Amino acid sequence: MTSLMAYAYGKPREATSAEPMIPMSEIEDARQSLKVKLQRISESLESRPR
């Protein structure tokens, strides 16, 4: 069946990732940076008079 499908439709293409891989160290750095920024935003909102 696989051979017949290859003759009828051509061999399947290999899957390629459209998005580049990001190193885990960069992801961790971004996560830490975002955590700090969210903490600062939270603190500024808490200290704001209502």
PDB file of N, CA and C in Angstrom:
ATOM      1  N   MET A   1       0.827  -1.191   0.000  1.00  0.00           N
ATOM      2  CA  MET A   1       0.000   0.000   0.000  1.00  0.00           C
ATOM      3  C   MET A   1       0.877   1.263   0.000  1.00  0.00           C
ATOM      4  N   THR A   2       1.950   1.244   0.788  1.00  0.00           N
ATOM      5  CA  THR A   2       2.845   2.397   0.853  1.00  0.00           C
ATOM      6  C   THR A   2       3.479   2.666  -0.505  1.00  0.00           C
ATOM      7  N   SER A   3       3.879   1.610  -1.175  1.00  0.00           N
ATOM      8  CA  SER A   3       4.485   1.770  -2.506  1.00  0.00           C
ATOM      9  C   SER A   3       3.485   2.332  -3.503  1.00  0.00           C
ATOM     10  N   LEU A   4       2.257   1.853  -3.442  1.00  0.00           N
ATOM     11  CA  LEU A   4       1.227   2.368  -4.353  1.00  0.00           C
ATOM     12  C   LEU A   4       0.959   3.849  -4.094  1.00  0.00           C
ATOM     13  N   MET A   5       0.906   4.238  -2.841  1.00  0.00           N
ATOM     14  CA  MET A   5       0.665   5.638  -2.500  1.00  0.00           C
ATOM     15  C   MET A   5       1.834   6.499  -2.990  1.00  0.00           C
ATOM     16  N   ALA A   6       3.058   5.978  -2.871  1.00  0.00           N
ATOM     17  CA  ALA A   6       4.228   6.733  -3.323  1.00  0.00           C
ATOM     18  C   ALA A   6       4.182   6.932  -4.839  1.00  0.00           C
ATOM     19  N   TYR A   7       3.732   5.919  -5.564  1.00  0.00           N
ATOM     20  CA  TYR A   7       3.618   6.053  -7.015  1.00  0.00           C
ATOM     21  C   TYR A   7       2.478   6.998  -7.388  1.00  0.00           C
ATOM     22  N   ALA A   8       1.396   6.937  -6.649  1.00  0.00           N
ATOM     23  CA  ALA A   8       0.220   7.743  -6.985  1.00  0.00           C
ATOM     24  C   ALA A   8       0.419   9.213  -6.606  1.00  0.00           C
ATOM     25  N   TYR A   9       0.977   9.471  -5.423  1.00  0.00           N
ATOM     26  CA  TYR A   9       1.048  10.830  -4.908  1.00  0.00           C
ATOM     27  C   TYR A   9       2.472  11.345  -4.698  1.00  0.00           C
ATOM     28  N   GLY A  10       3.456  10.516  -4.888  1.00  0.00           N
ATOM     29  CA  GLY A  10       4.834  10.902  -4.631  1.00  0.00           C
ATOM     30  C   GLY A  10       5.197  10.603  -3.181  1.00  0.00           C
ATOM     31  N   LYS A  11       6.482  10.574  -2.939  1.00  0.00           N
ATOM     32  CA  LYS A  11       6.931  10.285  -1.581  1.00  0.00           C
ATOM     33  C   LYS A  11       6.545  11.432  -0.651  1.00  0.00           C
ATOM     34  N   PRO A  12       6.173  11.111   0.570  1.00  0.00           N
ATOM     35  CA  PRO A  12       5.839  12.176   1.523  1.00  0.00           C
ATOM     36  C   PRO A  12       7.067  13.029   1.816  1.00  0.00           C
ATOM     37  N   ARG A  13       6.845  14.310   1.976  1.00  0.00           N
ATOM     38  CA  ARG A  13       7.940  15.216   2.329  1.00  0.00           C
ATOM     39  C   ARG A  13       8.267  15.063   3.799  1.00  0.00           C
ATOM     40  N   GLU A  14       9.513  15.294   4.114  1.00  0.00           N
ATOM     41  CA  GLU A  14       9.894  15.254   5.522  1.00  0.00           C
ATOM     42  C   GLU A  14       9.395  16.524   6.191  1.00  0.00           C
ATOM     43  N   ALA A  15       8.912  16.357   7.389  1.00  0.00           N
ATOM     44  CA  ALA A  15       8.408  17.507   8.132  1.00  0.00           C
ATOM     45  C   ALA A  15       9.568  18.411   8.532  1.00  0.00           C
ATOM     46  N   THR A  16       9.403  19.684   8.250  1.00  0.00           N
ATOM     47  CA  THR A  16      10.407  20.655   8.673  1.00  0.00           C
ATOM     48  C   THR A  16       9.742  21.665   9.591  1.00  0.00           C
ATOM     49  N   SER A  17      10.463  22.083  10.557  1.00  0.00           N
ATOM     50  CA  SER A  17       9.938  23.058  11.500  1.00  0.00           C
ATOM     51  C   SER A  17      10.061  24.449  10.889  1.00  0.00           C
ATOM     52  N   ALA A  18       8.949  25.174  10.845  1.00  0.00           N
ATOM     53  CA  ALA A  18       8.955  26.522  10.306  1.00  0.00           C
ATOM     54  C   ALA A  18       9.538  27.511  11.307  1.00  0.00           C
ATOM     55  N   GLU A  19       9.472  27.179  12.577  1.00  0.00           N
ATOM     56  CA  GLU A  19       9.964  28.076  13.611  1.00  0.00           C
ATOM     57  C   GLU A  19      11.336  27.619  14.090  1.00  0.00           C
ATOM     58  N   PRO A  20      12.242  28.566  14.271  1.00  0.00           N
ATOM     59  CA  PRO A  20      13.571  28.187  14.765  1.00  0.00           C
ATOM     60  C   PRO A  20      13.500  27.725  16.217  1.00  0.00           C
ATOM     61  N   MET A  21      14.399  26.852  16.581  1.00  0.00           N
ATOM     62  CA  MET A  21      14.456  26.381  17.962  1.00  0.00           C
ATOM     63  C   MET A  21      15.146  27.437  18.824  1.00  0.00           C
ATOM     64  N   ILE A  22      14.582  27.694  19.987  1.00  0.00           N
ATOM     65  CA  ILE A  22      15.148  28.662  20.920  1.00  0.00           C
ATOM     66  C   ILE A  22      15.833  27.882  22.037  1.00  0.00           C
ATOM     67  N   PRO A  23      17.077  28.214  22.346  1.00  0.00           N
ATOM     68  CA  PRO A  23      17.780  27.503  23.414  1.00  0.00           C
ATOM     69  C   PRO A  23      17.065  27.672  24.759  1.00  0.00           C
ATOM     70  N   MET A  24      17.072  26.625  25.548  1.00  0.00           N
ATOM     71  CA  MET A  24      16.396  26.657  26.844  1.00  0.00           C
ATOM     72  C   MET A  24      16.953  27.757  27.743  1.00  0.00           C
ATOM     73  N   SER A  25      18.244  28.063  27.632  1.00  0.00           N
ATOM     74  CA  SER A  25      18.820  29.112  28.470  1.00  0.00           C
ATOM     75  C   SER A  25      18.183  30.468  28.162  1.00  0.00           C
ATOM     76  N   GLU A  26      17.876  30.721  26.897  1.00  0.00           N
ATOM     77  CA  GLU A  26      17.219  31.978  26.529  1.00  0.00           C
ATOM     78  C   GLU A  26      15.787  32.015  27.042  1.00  0.00           C
ATOM     79  N   ILE A  27      15.123  30.882  27.017  1.00  0.00           N
ATOM     80  CA  ILE A  27      13.751  30.815  27.517  1.00  0.00           C
ATOM     81  C   ILE A  27      13.741  31.086  29.022  1.00  0.00           C
ATOM     82  N   GLU A  28      14.682  30.510  29.731  1.00  0.00           N
ATOM     83  CA  GLU A  28      14.762  30.724  31.179  1.00  0.00           C
ATOM     84  C   GLU A  28      15.070  32.179  31.493  1.00  0.00           C
ATOM     85  N   ASP A  29      15.976  32.804  30.732  1.00  0.00           N
ATOM     86  CA  ASP A  29      16.291  34.225  30.929  1.00  0.00           C
ATOM     87  C   ASP A  29      15.048  35.082  30.704  1.00  0.00           C
ATOM     88  N   ALA A  30      14.305  34.791  29.660  1.00  0.00           N
ATOM     89  CA  ALA A  30      13.087  35.551  29.355  1.00  0.00           C
ATOM     90  C   ALA A  30      12.052  35.355  30.451  1.00  0.00           C
ATOM     91  N   ARG A  31      11.945  34.137  30.966  1.00  0.00           N
ATOM     92  CA  ARG A  31      10.986  33.863  32.038  1.00  0.00           C
ATOM     93  C   ARG A  31      11.335  34.655  33.293  1.00  0.00           C
ATOM     94  N   GLN A  32      12.613  34.688  33.646  1.00  0.00           N
ATOM     95  CA  GLN A  32      13.048  35.435  34.824  1.00  0.00           C
ATOM     96  C   GLN A  32      12.801  36.932  34.638  1.00  0.00           C
ATOM     97  N   SER A  33      13.102  37.445  33.456  1.00  0.00           N
ATOM     98  CA  SER A  33      12.886  38.859  33.164  1.00  0.00           C
ATOM     99  C   SER A  33      11.406  39.213  33.272  1.00  0.00           C
ATOM    100  N   LEU A  34      10.564  38.367  32.725  1.00  0.00           N
ATOM    101  CA  LEU A  34       9.125  38.604  32.788  1.00  0.00           C
ATOM    102  C   LEU A  34       8.627  38.550  34.226  1.00  0.00           C
ATOM    103  N   LYS A  35       9.150  37.643  35.000  1.00  0.00           N
ATOM    104  CA  LYS A  35       8.762  37.522  36.410  1.00  0.00           C
ATOM    105  C   LYS A  35       9.083  38.811  37.164  1.00  0.00           C
ATOM    106  N   VAL A  36      10.268  39.370  36.930  1.00  0.00           N
ATOM    107  CA  VAL A  36      10.674  40.618  37.586  1.00  0.00           C
ATOM    108  C   VAL A  36       9.761  41.766  37.154  1.00  0.00           C
ATOM    109  N   LYS A  37       9.487  41.854  35.866  1.00  0.00           N
ATOM    110  CA  LYS A  37       8.630  42.930  35.360  1.00  0.00           C
ATOM    111  C   LYS A  37       7.221  42.829  35.937  1.00  0.00           C
ATOM    112  N   LEU A  38       6.678  41.632  36.000  1.00  0.00           N
ATOM    113  CA  LEU A  38       5.338  41.457  36.561  1.00  0.00           C
ATOM    114  C   LEU A  38       5.302  41.807  38.046  1.00  0.00           C
ATOM    115  N   GLN A  39       6.370  41.485  38.758  1.00  0.00           N
ATOM    116  CA  GLN A  39       6.454  41.828  40.170  1.00  0.00           C
ATOM    117  C   GLN A  39       6.476  43.346  40.343  1.00  0.00           C
ATOM    118  N   ARG A  40       7.240  44.041  39.520  1.00  0.00           N
ATOM    119  CA  ARG A  40       7.292  45.512  39.594  1.00  0.00           C
ATOM    120  C   ARG A  40       5.943  46.134  39.280  1.00  0.00           C
ATOM    121  N   ILE A  41       5.267  45.614  38.287  1.00  0.00           N
ATOM    122  CA  ILE A  41       3.937  46.120  37.939  1.00  0.00           C
ATOM    123  C   ILE A  41       2.981  45.894  39.105  1.00  0.00           C
ATOM    124  N   SER A  42       3.017  44.717  39.684  1.00  0.00           N
ATOM    125  CA  SER A  42       2.157  44.397  40.809  1.00  0.00           C
ATOM    126  C   SER A  42       2.415  45.346  41.991  1.00  0.00           C
ATOM    127  N   GLU A  43       3.694  45.597  42.277  1.00  0.00           N
ATOM    128  CA  GLU A  43       4.043  46.492  43.365  1.00  0.00           C
ATOM    129  C   GLU A  43       3.576  47.914  43.096  1.00  0.00           C
ATOM    130  N   SER A  44       3.700  48.367  41.848  1.00  0.00           N
ATOM    131  CA  SER A  44       3.275  49.734  41.544  1.00  0.00           C
ATOM    132  C   SER A  44       1.751  49.870  41.621  1.00  0.00           C
ATOM    133  N   LEU A  45       1.026  48.826  41.259  1.00  0.00           N
ATOM    134  CA  LEU A  45      -0.423  48.858  41.359  1.00  0.00           C
ATOM    135  C   LEU A  45      -0.890  48.822  42.822  1.00  0.00           C
ATOM    136  N   GLU A  46      -0.183  48.091  43.648  1.00  0.00           N
ATOM    137  CA  GLU A  46      -0.533  48.007  45.067  1.00  0.00           C
ATOM    138  C   GLU A  46      -0.270  49.336  45.785  1.00  0.00           C
ATOM    139  N   SER A  47       0.765  50.060  45.374  1.00  0.00           N
ATOM    140  CA  SER A  47       1.123  51.301  46.060  1.00  0.00           C
ATOM    141  C   SER A  47       0.327  52.499  45.540  1.00  0.00           C
ATOM    142  N   ARG A  48      -0.417  52.328  44.486  1.00  0.00           N
ATOM    143  CA  ARG A  48      -1.212  53.401  43.894  1.00  0.00           C
ATOM    144  C   ARG A  48      -2.445  53.680  44.746  1.00  0.00           C
ATOM    145  N   PRO A  49      -2.732  54.959  45.037  1.00  0.00           N
ATOM    146  CA  PRO A  49      -3.974  55.258  45.764  1.00  0.00           C
ATOM    147  C   PRO A  49      -5.181  55.012  44.869  1.00  0.00           C
ATOM    148  N   ARG A  50      -6.235  54.564  45.471  1.00  0.00           N
ATOM    149  CA  ARG A  50      -7.446  54.256  44.690  1.00  0.00           C
ATOM    150  C   ARG A  50      -8.432  55.376  44.721  1.00  0.00           C
TER     151      ARG A  50
END
